[in-house]
Amino acid sequence: MQAVTLAEFGLDKYIGLDFYDMSLVDGFNLPMAISPNNVVNGDRCRELKCNFNFNVCPNQRNFREVVGGKMVACKSACSALREPKYFCTPPYTEGVCQPTEYSKIFKQQCPDAINYAYDTKSSYFACKGRGKSGYEVVFCP
């Protein structure tokens, strides 16, 4: 299965900051929450949650991952359509690559998640660790 919900972390990456995000660039298969613990909170340090409604997954062109007659994942346009404009590969680079009708579906479902390659301004989060910082990842919250 290619369509997966990802939790990504970079601990103590820059001036003591931990960076984290939730990515739906490949698709969605599992509700998830990420909760920072023992950190200094700021405007970019907070809990993230994603509960995707499978009913909004496009019907056309291999978006739906079905196993045993049951839908188990919704692929992103990148995974389902396999075209450069959805991968954001040349000539669709930063500044040229924009949200698509498909990535907007994912953004509406999970506003904090990265939904296409350059969806970074609203979807990266950072916390200042206190030496014992931690992050709880909960599946199916």
Foldseek 3Di string as FASTA:
>chain_A
DQQDWDKDWDQCPPPQKIKIFIARLFWYQWWKKKAKDQFDDDPQHGMFTFDADPVLQDPPQPQFDDDPNHTRIGGACCNRVVDCLQQCDPPNHPVNRDDDPRLVSRCVRGVQHHRGDPSPPRHMGMTRHPVPMDMDMDIPD
